[in-house]
PDB file of N, CA and C in Angstrom:
ATOM      1  N   SER A   1     -50.281-156.768 -76.145  1.00  0.00           N
ATOM      2  CA  SER A   1     -50.724-156.107 -75.465  1.00  0.00           C
ATOM      3  C   SER A   1     -50.901-157.242 -74.581  1.00  0.00           C
ATOM      4  N   CYS A   2     -50.376-156.349 -72.869  1.00  0.00           N
ATOM      5  CA  CYS A   2     -50.084-157.491 -71.542  1.00  0.00           C
ATOM      6  C   CYS A   2     -51.726-156.412 -70.828  1.00  0.00           C
ATOM      7  N   LYS A   3     -53.144-158.060 -70.633  1.00  0.00           N
ATOM      8  CA  LYS A   3     -53.630-158.223 -69.949  1.00  0.00           C
ATOM      9  C   LYS A   3     -53.397-157.880 -68.523  1.00  0.00           C
ATOM     10  N   TRP A   4     -54.844-157.584 -67.542  1.00  0.00           N
ATOM     11  CA  TRP A   4     -54.594-157.354 -66.135  1.00  0.00           C
ATOM     12  C   TRP A   4     -54.868-157.955 -66.239  1.00  0.00           C
ATOM     13  N   TRP A   5     -55.781-158.453 -64.970  1.00  0.00           N
ATOM     14  CA  TRP A   5     -55.970-159.836 -64.513  1.00  0.00           C
ATOM     15  C   TRP A   5     -56.478-159.089 -62.874  1.00  0.00           C
ATOM     16  N   HIS A   6     -56.805-158.936 -63.079  1.00  0.00           N
ATOM     17  CA  HIS A   6     -57.230-157.905 -60.968  1.00  0.00           C
ATOM     18  C   HIS A   6     -58.376-159.029 -59.868  1.00  0.00           C
ATOM     19  N   ILE A   7     -57.324-157.866 -58.258  1.00  0.00           N
ATOM     20  CA  ILE A   7     -57.693-159.678 -57.292  1.00  0.00           C
ATOM     21  C   ILE A   7     -57.864-158.554 -56.423  1.00  0.00           C
ATOM     22  N   SER A   8     -58.338-158.431 -55.739  1.00  0.00           N
ATOM     23  CA  SER A   8     -58.283-158.168 -53.642  1.00  0.00           C
ATOM     24  C   SER A   8     -57.941-158.601 -52.540  1.00  0.00           C
ATOM     25  N   ARG A   9     -57.355-158.034 -52.158  1.00  0.00           N
ATOM     26  CA  ARG A   9     -56.675-158.946 -50.436  1.00  0.00           C
ATOM     27  C   ARG A   9     -57.096-157.765 -49.821  1.00  0.00           C
ATOM     28  N   TYR A  10     -57.670-158.477 -48.478  1.00  0.00           N
ATOM     29  CA  TYR A  10     -57.200-158.229 -46.726  1.00  0.00           C
ATOM     30  C   TYR A  10     -55.993-157.636 -46.348  1.00  0.00           C
ATOM     31  N   SER A  11     -54.905-156.857 -46.740  1.00  0.00           N
ATOM     32  CA  SER A  11     -53.865-156.732 -45.891  1.00  0.00           C
ATOM     33  C   SER A  11     -53.459-156.037 -44.698  1.00  0.00           C
ATOM     34  N   LYS A  12     -53.549-155.845 -43.300  1.00  0.00           N
ATOM     35  CA  LYS A  12     -53.563-155.734 -42.236  1.00  0.00           C
ATOM     36  C   LYS A  12     -54.781-154.137 -41.770  1.00  0.00           C
ATOM     37  N   GLY A  13     -55.998-155.385 -42.385  1.00  0.00           N
ATOM     38  CA  GLY A  13     -57.388-153.855 -41.858  1.00  0.00           C
ATOM     39  C   GLY A  13     -57.280-152.828 -43.392  1.00  0.00           C
ATOM     40  N   CYS A  14     -57.008-153.567 -44.393  1.00  0.00           N
ATOM     41  CA  CYS A  14     -57.402-152.020 -45.614  1.00  0.00           C
ATOM     42  C   CYS A  14     -57.313-153.527 -46.196  1.00  0.00           C
ATOM     43  N   ARG A  15     -58.114-152.428 -47.580  1.00  0.00           N
ATOM     44  CA  ARG A  15     -58.451-153.081 -48.391  1.00  0.00           C
ATOM     45  C   ARG A  15     -57.342-152.823 -49.298  1.00  0.00           C
ATOM     46  N   THR A  16     -56.470-153.443 -50.490  1.00  0.00           N
ATOM     47  CA  THR A  16     -55.704-153.356 -51.820  1.00  0.00           C
ATOM     48  C   THR A  16     -55.632-153.784 -52.651  1.00  0.00           C
ATOM     49  N   ARG A  17     -55.632-153.134 -53.513  1.00  0.00           N
ATOM     50  CA  ARG A  17     -55.957-153.915 -55.525  1.00  0.00           C
ATOM     51  C   ARG A  17     -54.593-154.334 -55.698  1.00  0.00           C
ATOM     52  N   CYS A  18     -54.783-155.710 -56.678  1.00  0.00           N
ATOM     53  CA  CYS A  18     -53.712-155.417 -57.063  1.00  0.00           C
ATOM     54  C   CYS A  18     -53.447-156.530 -58.892  1.00  0.00           C
ATOM     55  N   GLN A  19     -52.283-155.908 -58.954  1.00  0.00           N
ATOM     56  CA  GLN A  19     -52.213-156.128 -61.008  1.00  0.00           C
ATOM     57  C   GLN A  19     -52.249-156.531 -60.835  1.00  0.00           C
ATOM     58  N   ILE A  20     -52.688-158.020 -61.605  1.00  0.00           N
ATOM     59  CA  ILE A  20     -51.583-159.061 -61.878  1.00  0.00           C
ATOM     60  C   ILE A  20     -51.116-159.616 -63.760  1.00  0.00           C
ATOM     61  N   PRO A  21     -50.573-159.005 -64.175  1.00  0.00           N
ATOM     62  CA  PRO A  21     -50.277-159.635 -65.252  1.00  0.00           C
ATOM     63  C   PRO A  21     -51.318-160.802 -65.534  1.00  0.00           C
ATOM     64  N   LEU A  22     -51.276-160.756 -66.860  1.00  0.00           N
ATOM     65  CA  LEU A  22     -52.278-162.518 -67.138  1.00  0.00           C
ATOM     66  C   LEU A  22     -51.337-163.548 -67.836  1.00  0.00           C
ATOM     67  N   HIS A  23     -49.951-162.762 -68.246  1.00  0.00           N
ATOM     68  CA  HIS A  23     -48.861-164.004 -68.622  1.00  0.00           C
ATOM     69  C   HIS A  23     -48.514-164.278 -66.627  1.00  0.00           C
ATOM     70  N   SER A  24     -48.527-164.048 -65.757  1.00  0.00           N
ATOM     71  CA  SER A  24     -47.981-164.451 -65.073  1.00  0.00           C
ATOM     72  C   SER A  24     -48.895-165.051 -63.498  1.00  0.00           C
ATOM     73  N   PHE A  25     -50.924-165.300 -64.039  1.00  0.00           N
ATOM     74  CA  PHE A  25     -51.878-166.131 -64.065  1.00  0.00           C
ATOM     75  C   PHE A  25     -51.481-166.870 -63.517  1.00  0.00           C
ATOM     76  N   ASP A  26     -50.565-168.003 -64.535  1.00  0.00           N
ATOM     77  CA  ASP A  26     -50.581-169.468 -64.398  1.00  0.00           C
ATOM     78  C   ASP A  26     -49.165-169.437 -62.862  1.00  0.00           C
ATOM     79  N   SER A  27     -47.882-168.999 -62.915  1.00  0.00           N
ATOM     80  CA  SER A  27     -47.122-168.538 -61.689  1.00  0.00           C
ATOM     81  C   SER A  27     -48.648-168.002 -60.470  1.00  0.00           C
ATOM     82  N   PHE A  28     -48.913-167.304 -60.060  1.00  0.00           N
ATOM     83  CA  PHE A  28     -49.426-166.937 -59.445  1.00  0.00           C
ATOM     84  C   PHE A  28     -51.047-168.054 -59.021  1.00  0.00           C
ATOM     85  N   LEU A  29     -51.365-168.825 -59.916  1.00  0.00           N
ATOM     86  CA  LEU A  29     -52.424-170.394 -59.527  1.00  0.00           C
ATOM     87  C   LEU A  29     -50.735-170.856 -59.569  1.00  0.00           C
ATOM     88  N   SER A  30     -50.392-171.576 -59.776  1.00  0.00           N
ATOM     89  CA  SER A  30     -49.526-172.830 -59.000  1.00  0.00           C
ATOM     90  C   SER A  30     -48.504-172.194 -57.328  1.00  0.00           C
ATOM     91  N   SER A  31     -48.095-171.129 -57.373  1.00  0.00           N
ATOM     92  CA  SER A  31     -48.486-170.837 -56.043  1.00  0.00           C
ATOM     93  C   SER A  31     -49.491-172.083 -54.458  1.00  0.00           C
ATOM     94  N   PHE A  32     -50.968-170.826 -55.318  1.00  0.00           N
ATOM     95  CA  PHE A  32     -52.194-172.207 -54.598  1.00  0.00           C
ATOM     96  C   PHE A  32     -51.535-173.843 -54.695  1.00  0.00           C
ATOM     97  N   GLN A  33     -51.880-173.907 -55.769  1.00  0.00           N
ATOM     98  CA  GLN A  33     -51.203-175.985 -55.420  1.00  0.00           C
ATOM     99  C   GLN A  33     -50.072-175.564 -54.573  1.00  0.00           C
ATOM    100  N   ASP A  34     -49.105-175.597 -54.698  1.00  0.00           N
ATOM    101  CA  ASP A  34     -47.737-175.130 -54.072  1.00  0.00           C
ATOM    102  C   ASP A  34     -48.595-174.537 -52.916  1.00  0.00           C
ATOM    103  N   ILE A  35     -48.815-174.269 -51.954  1.00  0.00           N
ATOM    104  CA  ILE A  35     -49.063-174.426 -50.089  1.00  0.00           C
ATOM    105  C   ILE A  35     -50.318-175.735 -49.562  1.00  0.00           C
ATOM    106  N   GLU A  36     -51.137-176.084 -51.228  1.00  0.00           N
ATOM    107  CA  GLU A  36     -52.473-176.760 -50.569  1.00  0.00           C
ATOM    108  C   GLU A  36     -51.265-178.321 -50.999  1.00  0.00           C
ATOM    109  N   LEU A  37     -49.933-178.943 -51.104  1.00  0.00           N
ATOM    110  CA  LEU A  37     -50.081-179.833 -51.800  1.00  0.00           C
ATOM    111  C   LEU A  37     -49.215-179.748 -49.843  1.00  0.00           C
ATOM    112  N   LEU A  38     -48.006-178.390 -50.163  1.00  0.00           N
ATOM    113  CA  LEU A  38     -47.240-178.463 -48.988  1.00  0.00           C
ATOM    114  C   LEU A  38     -49.054-178.997 -47.553  1.00  0.00           C
ATOM    115  N   GLN A  39     -49.793-178.211 -47.611  1.00  0.00           N
ATOM    116  CA  GLN A  39     -51.308-178.224 -46.468  1.00  0.00           C
ATOM    117  C   GLN A  39     -50.702-179.331 -46.763  1.00  0.00           C
ATOM    118  N   PHE A  40     -51.060-180.907 -48.336  1.00  0.00           N
ATOM    119  CA  PHE A  40     -51.535-181.712 -47.360  1.00  0.00           C
ATOM    120  C   PHE A  40     -50.526-182.786 -46.829  1.00  0.00           C
ATOM    121  N   SER A  41     -48.882-182.302 -48.004  1.00  0.00           N
ATOM    122  CA  SER A  41     -47.507-183.019 -46.727  1.00  0.00           C
ATOM    123  C   SER A  41     -48.002-182.829 -45.504  1.00  0.00           C
ATOM    124  N   LEU A  42     -47.716-181.692 -45.210  1.00  0.00           N
ATOM    125  CA  LEU A  42     -48.429-181.784 -43.917  1.00  0.00           C
ATOM    126  C   LEU A  42     -48.590-182.158 -42.618  1.00  0.00           C
ATOM    127  N   ILE A  43     -50.217-182.496 -43.228  1.00  0.00           N
ATOM    128  CA  ILE A  43     -51.238-183.195 -42.637  1.00  0.00           C
ATOM    129  C   ILE A  43     -50.660-184.769 -42.629  1.00  0.00           C
ATOM    130  N   LEU A  44     -50.119-185.194 -43.989  1.00  0.00           N
ATOM    131  CA  LEU A  44     -49.471-186.205 -43.407  1.00  0.00           C
ATOM    132  C   LEU A  44     -47.958-187.123 -42.477  1.00  0.00           C
ATOM    133  N   ILE A  45     -47.625-186.068 -42.716  1.00  0.00           N
ATOM    134  CA  ILE A  45     -46.437-186.224 -41.913  1.00  0.00           C
ATOM    135  C   ILE A  45     -47.226-186.202 -40.336  1.00  0.00           C
ATOM    136  N   GLN A  46     -47.168-185.165 -39.617  1.00  0.00           N
ATOM    137  CA  GLN A  46     -48.012-184.758 -38.797  1.00  0.00           C
ATOM    138  C   GLN A  46     -48.856-186.286 -38.221  1.00  0.00           C
ATOM    139  N   SER A  47     -50.023-187.243 -39.871  1.00  0.00           N
ATOM    140  CA  SER A  47     -50.579-188.619 -39.015  1.00  0.00           C
ATOM    141  C   SER A  47     -50.069-189.295 -38.370  1.00  0.00           C
ATOM    142  N   TRP A  48     -48.021-189.312 -38.881  1.00  0.00           N
ATOM    143  CA  TRP A  48     -47.200-190.113 -38.195  1.00  0.00           C
ATOM    144  C   TRP A  48     -46.673-189.991 -36.741  1.00  0.00           C
ATOM    145  N   LEU A  49     -46.852-189.060 -36.958  1.00  0.00           N
ATOM    146  CA  LEU A  49     -46.060-188.498 -35.072  1.00  0.00           C
ATOM    147  C   LEU A  49     -46.329-188.935 -33.974  1.00  0.00           C
ATOM    148  N   THR A  50     -47.415-188.914 -33.905  1.00  0.00           N
ATOM    149  CA  THR A  50     -49.001-189.455 -33.082  1.00  0.00           C
ATOM    150  C   THR A  50     -48.279-191.216 -32.551  1.00  0.00           C
ATOM    151  N   PRO A  51     -48.043-191.518 -34.085  1.00  0.00           N
ATOM    152  CA  PRO A  51     -47.741-193.958 -33.812  1.00  0.00           C
ATOM    153  C   PRO A  51     -46.737-193.921 -34.020  1.00  0.00           C
ATOM    154  N   MET A  52     -45.750-192.981 -34.307  1.00  0.00           N
ATOM    155  CA  MET A  52     -44.006-193.794 -34.160  1.00  0.00           C
ATOM    156  C   MET A  52     -43.878-192.639 -32.564  1.00  0.00           C
ATOM    157  N   GLN A  53     -44.571-191.571 -32.327  1.00  0.00           N
ATOM    158  CA  GLN A  53     -44.281-191.607 -30.331  1.00  0.00           C
ATOM    159  C   GLN A  53     -45.056-192.173 -29.445  1.00  0.00           C
ATOM    160  N   TYR A  54     -46.052-193.338 -29.627  1.00  0.00           N
ATOM    161  CA  TYR A  54     -46.562-193.925 -29.417  1.00  0.00           C
ATOM    162  C   TYR A  54     -45.546-195.746 -29.236  1.00  0.00           C
ATOM    163  N   LEU A  55     -45.263-195.607 -30.064  1.00  0.00           N
ATOM    164  CA  LEU A  55     -44.703-197.183 -30.595  1.00  0.00           C
ATOM    165  C   LEU A  55     -42.368-196.861 -29.596  1.00  0.00           C
ATOM    166  N   SER A  56     -43.148-195.667 -29.909  1.00  0.00           N
ATOM    167  CA  SER A  56     -41.062-196.372 -28.520  1.00  0.00           C
ATOM    168  C   SER A  56     -41.167-195.471 -27.450  1.00  0.00           C
ATOM    169  N   LYS A  57     -42.883-195.662 -27.216  1.00  0.00           N
ATOM    170  CA  LYS A  57     -43.457-196.444 -25.699  1.00  0.00           C
ATOM    171  C   LYS A  57     -43.418-197.558 -25.623  1.00  0.00           C
ATOM    172  N   MET A  58     -43.929-198.113 -26.283  1.00  0.00           N
ATOM    173  CA  MET A  58     -44.760-199.151 -26.215  1.00  0.00           C
ATOM    174  C   MET A  58     -43.340-200.349 -26.354  1.00  0.00           C
ATOM    175  N   PHE A  59     -42.206-200.534 -26.996  1.00  0.00           N
ATOM    176  CA  PHE A  59     -41.523-200.733 -27.136  1.00  0.00           C
ATOM    177  C   PHE A  59     -40.131-200.429 -26.652  1.00  0.00           C
ATOM    178  N   THR A  60     -39.272-202.329 -25.567  1.00  0.00           N
ATOM    179  CA  THR A  60     -38.449-201.083 -25.294  1.00  0.00           C
ATOM    180  C   THR A  60     -36.992-201.564 -24.679  1.00  0.00           C
ATOM    181  N   ASN A  61     -37.049-202.198 -26.114  1.00  0.00           N
ATOM    182  CA  ASN A  61     -36.148-202.646 -27.151  1.00  0.00           C
ATOM    183  C   ASN A  61     -35.456-201.884 -27.780  1.00  0.00           C
ATOM    184  N   ASN A  62     -33.816-201.596 -27.173  1.00  0.00           N
ATOM    185  CA  ASN A  62     -33.100-200.728 -27.984  1.00  0.00           C
ATOM    186  C   ASN A  62     -32.837-200.298 -28.658  1.00  0.00           C
ATOM    187  N   LEU A  63     -33.241-201.315 -30.412  1.00  0.00           N
ATOM    188  CA  LEU A  63     -32.854-201.186 -31.116  1.00  0.00           C
ATOM    189  C   LEU A  63     -33.938-200.600 -31.595  1.00  0.00           C
ATOM    190  N   VAL A  64     -35.156-201.273 -31.064  1.00  0.00           N
ATOM    191  CA  VAL A  64     -36.974-200.710 -31.926  1.00  0.00           C
ATOM    192  C   VAL A  64     -37.018-199.165 -31.568  1.00  0.00           C
ATOM    193  N   PHE A  65     -36.687-199.292 -30.095  1.00  0.00           N
ATOM    194  CA  PHE A  65     -36.588-197.553 -29.688  1.00  0.00           C
ATOM    195  C   PHE A  65     -36.060-196.510 -30.443  1.00  0.00           C
ATOM    196  N   GLY A  66     -35.103-196.825 -30.360  1.00  0.00           N
ATOM    197  CA  GLY A  66     -33.803-195.741 -31.221  1.00  0.00           C
ATOM    198  C   GLY A  66     -34.087-195.649 -32.821  1.00  0.00           C
ATOM    199  N   THR A  67     -34.954-196.074 -33.492  1.00  0.00           N
ATOM    200  CA  THR A  67     -35.255-196.501 -34.331  1.00  0.00           C
ATOM    201  C   THR A  67     -36.650-195.325 -35.364  1.00  0.00           C
ATOM    202  N   SER A  68     -37.770-196.185 -33.353  1.00  0.00           N
ATOM    203  CA  SER A  68     -38.214-195.085 -33.902  1.00  0.00           C
ATOM    204  C   SER A  68     -38.924-194.126 -33.383  1.00  0.00           C
ATOM    205  N   ASP A  69     -37.319-194.072 -32.627  1.00  0.00           N
ATOM    206  CA  ASP A  69     -37.035-192.497 -32.170  1.00  0.00           C
ATOM    207  C   ASP A  69     -36.644-191.515 -32.970  1.00  0.00           C
ATOM    208  N   ARG A  70     -35.299-191.928 -33.968  1.00  0.00           N
ATOM    209  CA  ARG A  70     -35.359-191.437 -35.251  1.00  0.00           C
ATOM    210  C   ARG A  70     -36.217-191.257 -36.446  1.00  0.00           C
ATOM    211  N   VAL A  71     -36.983-191.825 -36.352  1.00  0.00           N
ATOM    212  CA  VAL A  71     -38.123-192.125 -37.267  1.00  0.00           C
ATOM    213  C   VAL A  71     -38.732-191.054 -36.411  1.00  0.00           C
ATOM    214  N   TYR A  72     -39.172-191.059 -35.117  1.00  0.00           N
ATOM    215  CA  TYR A  72     -39.821-188.837 -34.620  1.00  0.00           C
ATOM    216  C   TYR A  72     -38.883-187.794 -35.308  1.00  0.00           C
ATOM    217  N   GLU A  73     -38.084-187.754 -35.391  1.00  0.00           N
ATOM    218  CA  GLU A  73     -37.382-186.746 -35.050  1.00  0.00           C
ATOM    219  C   GLU A  73     -36.792-186.192 -36.664  1.00  0.00           C
ATOM    220  N   LYS A  74     -36.685-187.448 -37.488  1.00  0.00           N
ATOM    221  CA  LYS A  74     -36.700-186.709 -39.204  1.00  0.00           C
ATOM    222  C   LYS A  74     -37.954-185.978 -39.648  1.00  0.00           C
ATOM    223  N   LEU A  75     -39.225-187.295 -38.475  1.00  0.00           N
ATOM    224  CA  LEU A  75     -40.682-186.860 -39.292  1.00  0.00           C
ATOM    225  C   LEU A  75     -41.111-184.795 -39.027  1.00  0.00           C
ATOM    226  N   LYS A  76     -40.094-184.847 -37.713  1.00  0.00           N
ATOM    227  CA  LYS A  76     -40.917-183.709 -37.201  1.00  0.00           C
ATOM    228  C   LYS A  76     -39.864-182.403 -37.515  1.00  0.00           C
ATOM    229  N   ASP A  77     -38.576-183.077 -37.768  1.00  0.00           N
ATOM    230  CA  ASP A  77     -37.473-181.933 -38.438  1.00  0.00           C
ATOM    231  C   ASP A  77     -38.788-182.547 -40.291  1.00  0.00           C
ATOM    232  N   LEU A  78     -39.118-181.899 -40.810  1.00  0.00           N
ATOM    233  CA  LEU A  78     -39.863-182.841 -41.720  1.00  0.00           C
ATOM    234  C   LEU A  78     -41.459-181.880 -41.341  1.00  0.00           C
ATOM    235  N   GLU A  79     -41.564-182.216 -40.534  1.00  0.00           N
ATOM    236  CA  GLU A  79     -42.641-180.365 -40.115  1.00  0.00           C
ATOM    237  C   GLU A  79     -42.299-179.636 -40.053  1.00  0.00           C
ATOM    238  N   GLU A  80     -41.459-179.252 -39.671  1.00  0.00           N
ATOM    239  CA  GLU A  80     -40.649-177.292 -39.248  1.00  0.00           C
ATOM    240  C   GLU A  80     -40.029-176.732 -41.053  1.00  0.00           C
ATOM    241  N   GLY A  81     -39.578-177.987 -41.830  1.00  0.00           N
ATOM    242  CA  GLY A  81     -39.034-177.365 -42.736  1.00  0.00           C
ATOM    243  C   GLY A  81     -40.555-177.455 -43.872  1.00  0.00           C
ATOM    244  N   ILE A  82     -41.514-178.008 -43.228  1.00  0.00           N
ATOM    245  CA  ILE A  82     -42.766-177.646 -44.491  1.00  0.00           C
ATOM    246  C   ILE A  82     -43.727-176.633 -43.719  1.00  0.00           C
ATOM    247  N   GLN A  83     -43.450-176.674 -42.689  1.00  0.00           N
ATOM    248  CA  GLN A  83     -44.015-174.765 -42.821  1.00  0.00           C
ATOM    249  C   GLN A  83     -43.544-173.686 -42.501  1.00  0.00           C
ATOM    250  N   ALA A  84     -42.129-173.671 -42.375  1.00  0.00           N
ATOM    251  CA  ALA A  84     -41.355-172.865 -43.349  1.00  0.00           C
ATOM    252  C   ALA A  84     -41.500-172.602 -44.309  1.00  0.00           C
ATOM    253  N   LEU A  85     -41.576-173.506 -45.640  1.00  0.00           N
ATOM    254  CA  LEU A  85     -41.638-173.276 -46.535  1.00  0.00           C
ATOM    255  C   LEU A  85     -43.534-173.299 -47.670  1.00  0.00           C
ATOM    256  N   MET A  86     -44.162-173.274 -46.504  1.00  0.00           N
ATOM    257  CA  MET A  86     -46.313-172.919 -46.220  1.00  0.00           C
ATOM    258  C   MET A  86     -45.895-171.756 -45.700  1.00  0.00           C
ATOM    259  N   ARG A  87     -44.269-170.355 -45.045  1.00  0.00           N
ATOM    260  CA  ARG A  87     -44.650-169.130 -44.646  1.00  0.00           C
ATOM    261  C   ARG A  87     -44.121-168.267 -45.494  1.00  0.00           C
ATOM    262  N   LEU A  88     -42.951-168.724 -45.985  1.00  0.00           N
ATOM    263  CA  LEU A  88     -42.576-168.664 -47.400  1.00  0.00           C
ATOM    264  C   LEU A  88     -42.484-168.453 -48.947  1.00  0.00           C
ATOM    265  N   VAL A  89     -43.706-169.477 -48.986  1.00  0.00           N
ATOM    266  CA  VAL A  89     -44.961-169.181 -49.851  1.00  0.00           C
ATOM    267  C   VAL A  89     -45.867-168.133 -49.759  1.00  0.00           C
ATOM    268  N   THR A  90     -46.184-168.484 -48.852  1.00  0.00           N
ATOM    269  CA  THR A  90     -47.454-167.362 -48.285  1.00  0.00           C
ATOM    270  C   THR A  90     -46.910-166.036 -48.415  1.00  0.00           C
ATOM    271  N   THR A  91     -44.904-165.398 -47.709  1.00  0.00           N
ATOM    272  CA  THR A  91     -45.070-164.291 -48.112  1.00  0.00           C
ATOM    273  C   THR A  91     -45.328-164.002 -49.358  1.00  0.00           C
ATOM    274  N   ALA A  92     -44.261-164.444 -50.242  1.00  0.00           N
ATOM    275  CA  ALA A  92     -43.441-164.338 -51.579  1.00  0.00           C
ATOM    276  C   ALA A  92     -44.970-164.393 -52.646  1.00  0.00           C
ATOM    277  N   GLY A  93     -46.458-164.629 -52.189  1.00  0.00           N
ATOM    278  CA  GLY A  93     -47.282-164.554 -52.430  1.00  0.00           C
ATOM    279  C   GLY A  93     -47.267-163.118 -52.316  1.00  0.00           C
ATOM    280  N   GLN A  94     -47.823-162.422 -51.038  1.00  0.00           N
ATOM    281  CA  GLN A  94     -48.480-161.742 -50.661  1.00  0.00           C
ATOM    282  C   GLN A  94     -47.019-160.875 -51.173  1.00  0.00           C
ATOM    283  N   GLU A  95     -45.839-160.395 -51.648  1.00  0.00           N
ATOM    284  CA  GLU A  95     -45.270-159.254 -51.860  1.00  0.00           C
ATOM    285  C   GLU A  95     -45.398-159.377 -53.314  1.00  0.00           C
ATOM    286  N   GLU A  96     -45.759-159.439 -54.444  1.00  0.00           N
ATOM    287  CA  GLU A  96     -45.730-159.889 -55.679  1.00  0.00           C
ATOM    288  C   GLU A  96     -46.508-158.146 -56.103  1.00  0.00           C
ATOM    289  N   CYS A  97     -47.647-158.012 -55.206  1.00  0.00           N
ATOM    290  CA  CYS A  97     -49.011-157.261 -55.093  1.00  0.00           C
ATOM    291  C   CYS A  97     -48.403-155.846 -54.646  1.00  0.00           C
TER     292      CYS A  97
END
């Protein structure tokens, strides 16, 4: 016999009630942990963007400029990828109900 855990959430201005089987509660909590990990990763990456941009402006040496510019671009790619994953995880969590 499956026990049910009830959650309520607001969606598009109306209240909906969702039933999640207790055995899938772990995956439900896991999605929150995934979002939290993605948020921390995003903050960490964003904290490096400004220093890398500043570094590339400070040095006129092509070797340093090229390296810091490439690192900045990679960080921007990571930022966009994490934001896309966050949207995906959030959307997947909403579709379960």
